Amino acid sequence: MTLRVADTLEVRRWILGFGSEAEVLEPAALREALRRDAEVLAKRLAPRRVPPAPMSLPEGRALLRRAVKPHASR
């Protein structure tokens, strides 16, 4: 399909509506713009890992975790 447009913003939005089923072959600038848009979107949708908040313990105490092995079935 060939389109002549003054600005690619609306065309980019239209193409992105097709998701991974669309591929722009040329012009290279439009292809690159869509690649950047997809990269930003992927970063926004990526799961966020939030580190746990540090626990405050009384002076001189440490938090230890002990590995617990499951009991074997009899």
N, C-alpha and C. Protein backbone atom coordinates (compact mmCIF):
# COMPACT_ATOMS: atom_id res chain seq x y z
N MET A 1 0.85 -1.16 0.00
CA MET A 1 0.00 0.00 0.00
C MET A 1 0.90 1.23 0.00
N THR A 2 0.55 2.22 -0.74
CA THR A 2 1.30 3.47 -0.80
C THR A 2 0.39 4.61 -0.37
N LEU A 3 0.90 5.43 0.55
CA LEU A 3 0.14 6.58 1.03
C LEU A 3 1.00 7.82 0.92
N ARG A 4 0.39 8.93 0.57
CA ARG A 4 1.08 10.22 0.58
C ARG A 4 0.43 11.06 1.67
N VAL A 5 1.25 11.42 2.65
CA VAL A 5 0.73 12.19 3.79
C VAL A 5 1.69 13.33 4.12
N ALA A 6 1.14 14.37 4.74
CA ALA A 6 1.97 15.51 5.14
C ALA A 6 2.70 15.20 6.44
N ASP A 7 2.04 14.47 7.34
CA ASP A 7 2.63 14.14 8.63
C ASP A 7 2.35 12.67 8.91
N THR A 8 3.29 11.99 9.55
CA THR A 8 3.13 10.55 9.75
C THR A 8 2.47 10.18 11.08
N LEU A 9 2.15 11.15 11.94
CA LEU A 9 1.61 10.83 13.25
C LEU A 9 0.35 9.96 13.16
N GLU A 10 -0.64 10.39 12.39
CA GLU A 10 -1.88 9.61 12.28
C GLU A 10 -1.63 8.26 11.60
N VAL A 11 -0.74 8.24 10.63
CA VAL A 11 -0.43 6.97 9.94
C VAL A 11 0.25 6.02 10.91
N ARG A 12 1.17 6.54 11.73
CA ARG A 12 1.85 5.69 12.71
C ARG A 12 0.85 5.11 13.69
N ARG A 13 -0.09 5.91 14.14
CA ARG A 13 -1.12 5.40 15.07
C ARG A 13 -1.97 4.32 14.39
N TRP A 14 -2.30 4.55 13.15
CA TRP A 14 -3.10 3.58 12.41
C TRP A 14 -2.34 2.26 12.26
N ILE A 15 -1.07 2.36 11.90
CA ILE A 15 -0.24 1.16 11.73
C ILE A 15 -0.09 0.42 13.06
N LEU A 16 0.16 1.15 14.15
CA LEU A 16 0.30 0.52 15.46
C LEU A 16 -0.97 -0.21 15.88
N GLY A 17 -2.10 0.20 15.35
CA GLY A 17 -3.36 -0.48 15.63
C GLY A 17 -3.38 -1.92 15.14
N PHE A 18 -2.53 -2.25 14.18
CA PHE A 18 -2.44 -3.61 13.67
C PHE A 18 -1.51 -4.48 14.51
N GLY A 19 -0.84 -3.86 15.50
CA GLY A 19 0.04 -4.61 16.39
C GLY A 19 1.17 -5.27 15.64
N SER A 20 1.49 -6.48 16.06
CA SER A 20 2.63 -7.19 15.47
C SER A 20 2.35 -7.73 14.07
N GLU A 21 1.14 -7.55 13.58
CA GLU A 21 0.79 -8.01 12.23
C GLU A 21 1.27 -7.05 11.14
N ALA A 22 1.68 -5.83 11.54
CA ALA A 22 2.08 -4.82 10.56
C ALA A 22 3.60 -4.75 10.46
N GLU A 23 4.07 -4.45 9.26
CA GLU A 23 5.49 -4.20 9.04
C GLU A 23 5.63 -3.11 7.99
N VAL A 24 6.37 -2.07 8.34
CA VAL A 24 6.63 -0.98 7.40
C VAL A 24 7.95 -1.31 6.71
N LEU A 25 7.93 -1.36 5.39
CA LEU A 25 9.14 -1.66 4.64
C LEU A 25 9.90 -0.39 4.30
N GLU A 26 9.18 0.63 3.93
CA GLU A 26 9.79 1.92 3.65
C GLU A 26 8.74 2.99 3.75
N PRO A 27 9.07 4.20 4.00
CA PRO A 27 10.42 4.75 4.10
C PRO A 27 11.09 4.34 5.41
N ALA A 28 12.40 4.33 5.39
CA ALA A 28 13.18 3.90 6.56
C ALA A 28 12.90 4.78 7.77
N ALA A 29 12.66 6.06 7.57
CA ALA A 29 12.39 6.97 8.69
C ALA A 29 11.10 6.58 9.41
N LEU A 30 10.08 6.19 8.66
CA LEU A 30 8.81 5.76 9.27
C LEU A 30 9.02 4.44 10.00
N ARG A 31 9.75 3.53 9.40
CA ARG A 31 10.05 2.25 10.03
C ARG A 31 10.78 2.48 11.36
N GLU A 32 11.76 3.37 11.37
CA GLU A 32 12.53 3.66 12.58
C GLU A 32 11.66 4.34 13.63
N ALA A 33 10.79 5.24 13.22
CA ALA A 33 9.89 5.91 14.17
C ALA A 33 8.97 4.89 14.85
N LEU A 34 8.47 3.93 14.08
CA LEU A 34 7.61 2.90 14.65
C LEU A 34 8.40 1.98 15.57
N ARG A 35 9.65 1.70 15.22
CA ARG A 35 10.49 0.86 16.08
C ARG A 35 10.70 1.55 17.44
N ARG A 36 10.95 2.86 17.40
CA ARG A 36 11.14 3.61 18.65
C ARG A 36 9.85 3.64 19.47
N ASP A 37 8.72 3.84 18.80
CA ASP A 37 7.42 3.83 19.50
C ASP A 37 7.18 2.48 20.18
N ALA A 38 7.49 1.41 19.47
CA ALA A 38 7.29 0.07 20.01
C ALA A 38 8.22 -0.19 21.19
N GLU A 39 9.43 0.31 21.12
CA GLU A 39 10.39 0.14 22.20
C GLU A 39 9.91 0.86 23.47
N VAL A 40 9.42 2.08 23.31
CA VAL A 40 8.90 2.83 24.46
C VAL A 40 7.69 2.10 25.06
N LEU A 41 6.81 1.60 24.21
CA LEU A 41 5.63 0.88 24.69
C LEU A 41 6.03 -0.38 25.44
N ALA A 42 7.00 -1.11 24.91
CA ALA A 42 7.45 -2.34 25.57
C ALA A 42 8.01 -2.03 26.96
N LYS A 43 8.75 -0.95 27.09
CA LYS A 43 9.29 -0.57 28.39
C LYS A 43 8.17 -0.20 29.36
N ARG A 44 7.16 0.50 28.87
CA ARG A 44 6.03 0.88 29.74
C ARG A 44 5.24 -0.32 30.21
N LEU A 45 5.14 -1.34 29.37
CA LEU A 45 4.33 -2.51 29.70
C LEU A 45 5.12 -3.60 30.42
N ALA A 46 6.43 -3.46 30.50
CA ALA A 46 7.26 -4.47 31.17
C ALA A 46 6.92 -4.51 32.65
N PRO A 47 6.95 -5.72 33.23
CA PRO A 47 6.68 -5.81 34.67
C PRO A 47 7.73 -5.03 35.45
N ARG A 48 7.28 -4.38 36.48
CA ARG A 48 8.19 -3.60 37.32
C ARG A 48 8.51 -4.39 38.58
N ARG A 49 9.77 -4.53 38.85
CA ARG A 49 10.20 -5.19 40.08
C ARG A 49 10.50 -4.11 41.10
N VAL A 50 9.79 -4.17 42.19
CA VAL A 50 9.99 -3.21 43.25
C VAL A 50 10.72 -3.93 44.38
N PRO A 51 11.91 -3.47 44.74
CA PRO A 51 12.62 -4.14 45.83
C PRO A 51 11.86 -3.98 47.15
N PRO A 52 11.89 -5.01 47.99
CA PRO A 52 11.17 -4.90 49.26
C PRO A 52 11.79 -3.81 50.12
N ALA A 53 10.95 -3.18 50.90
CA ALA A 53 11.43 -2.13 51.80
C ALA A 53 12.28 -2.77 52.89
N PRO A 54 13.36 -2.12 53.27
CA PRO A 54 14.20 -2.70 54.32
C PRO A 54 13.44 -2.73 55.65
N MET A 55 13.66 -3.81 56.39
CA MET A 55 13.01 -3.94 57.69
C MET A 55 13.88 -3.28 58.74
N SER A 56 13.25 -2.62 59.66
CA SER A 56 14.03 -2.05 60.77
C SER A 56 13.93 -3.01 61.94
N LEU A 57 15.07 -3.44 62.42
CA LEU A 57 15.14 -4.38 63.54
C LEU A 57 15.80 -3.68 64.73
N PRO A 58 15.47 -4.12 65.92
CA PRO A 58 16.13 -3.55 67.09
C PRO A 58 17.65 -3.73 67.00
N GLU A 59 18.37 -2.86 67.62
CA GLU A 59 19.84 -2.90 67.63
C GLU A 59 20.34 -4.28 68.03
N GLY A 60 21.29 -4.79 67.28
CA GLY A 60 21.92 -6.06 67.63
C GLY A 60 21.14 -7.29 67.19
N ARG A 61 20.05 -7.15 66.49
CA ARG A 61 19.27 -8.31 66.03
C ARG A 61 19.42 -8.45 64.53
N ALA A 62 19.39 -9.65 64.05
CA ALA A 62 19.51 -9.92 62.62
C ALA A 62 18.33 -10.79 62.19
N LEU A 63 17.92 -10.61 60.98
CA LEU A 63 16.84 -11.41 60.41
C LEU A 63 17.47 -12.55 59.63
N LEU A 64 17.15 -13.76 59.98
CA LEU A 64 17.69 -14.93 59.28
C LEU A 64 16.54 -15.73 58.72
N ARG A 65 16.76 -16.28 57.55
CA ARG A 65 15.77 -17.19 56.96
C ARG A 65 16.38 -18.56 56.90
N ARG A 66 15.59 -19.53 57.25
CA ARG A 66 16.06 -20.90 57.23
C ARG A 66 15.32 -21.63 56.11
N ALA A 67 16.07 -22.33 55.29
CA ALA A 67 15.45 -23.11 54.23
C ALA A 67 14.72 -24.28 54.85
N VAL A 68 13.47 -24.46 54.50
CA VAL A 68 12.67 -25.55 55.03
C VAL A 68 12.42 -26.54 53.92
N LYS A 69 12.85 -27.77 54.15
CA LYS A 69 12.63 -28.82 53.15
C LYS A 69 11.26 -29.44 53.37
N PRO A 70 10.51 -29.67 52.30
CA PRO A 70 9.21 -30.31 52.47
C PRO A 70 9.37 -31.75 52.96
N HIS A 71 8.43 -32.20 53.78
CA HIS A 71 8.47 -33.58 54.29
C HIS A 71 8.19 -34.55 53.16
N ALA A 72 8.94 -35.62 53.15
CA ALA A 72 8.72 -36.66 52.14
C ALA A 72 7.43 -37.40 52.45
N SER A 73 6.65 -37.72 51.43
CA SER A 73 5.41 -38.47 51.65
C SER A 73 5.74 -39.91 52.02
N ARG A 74 4.92 -40.42 52.88
CA ARG A 74 5.14 -41.82 53.32
C ARG A 74 4.31 -42.76 52.55
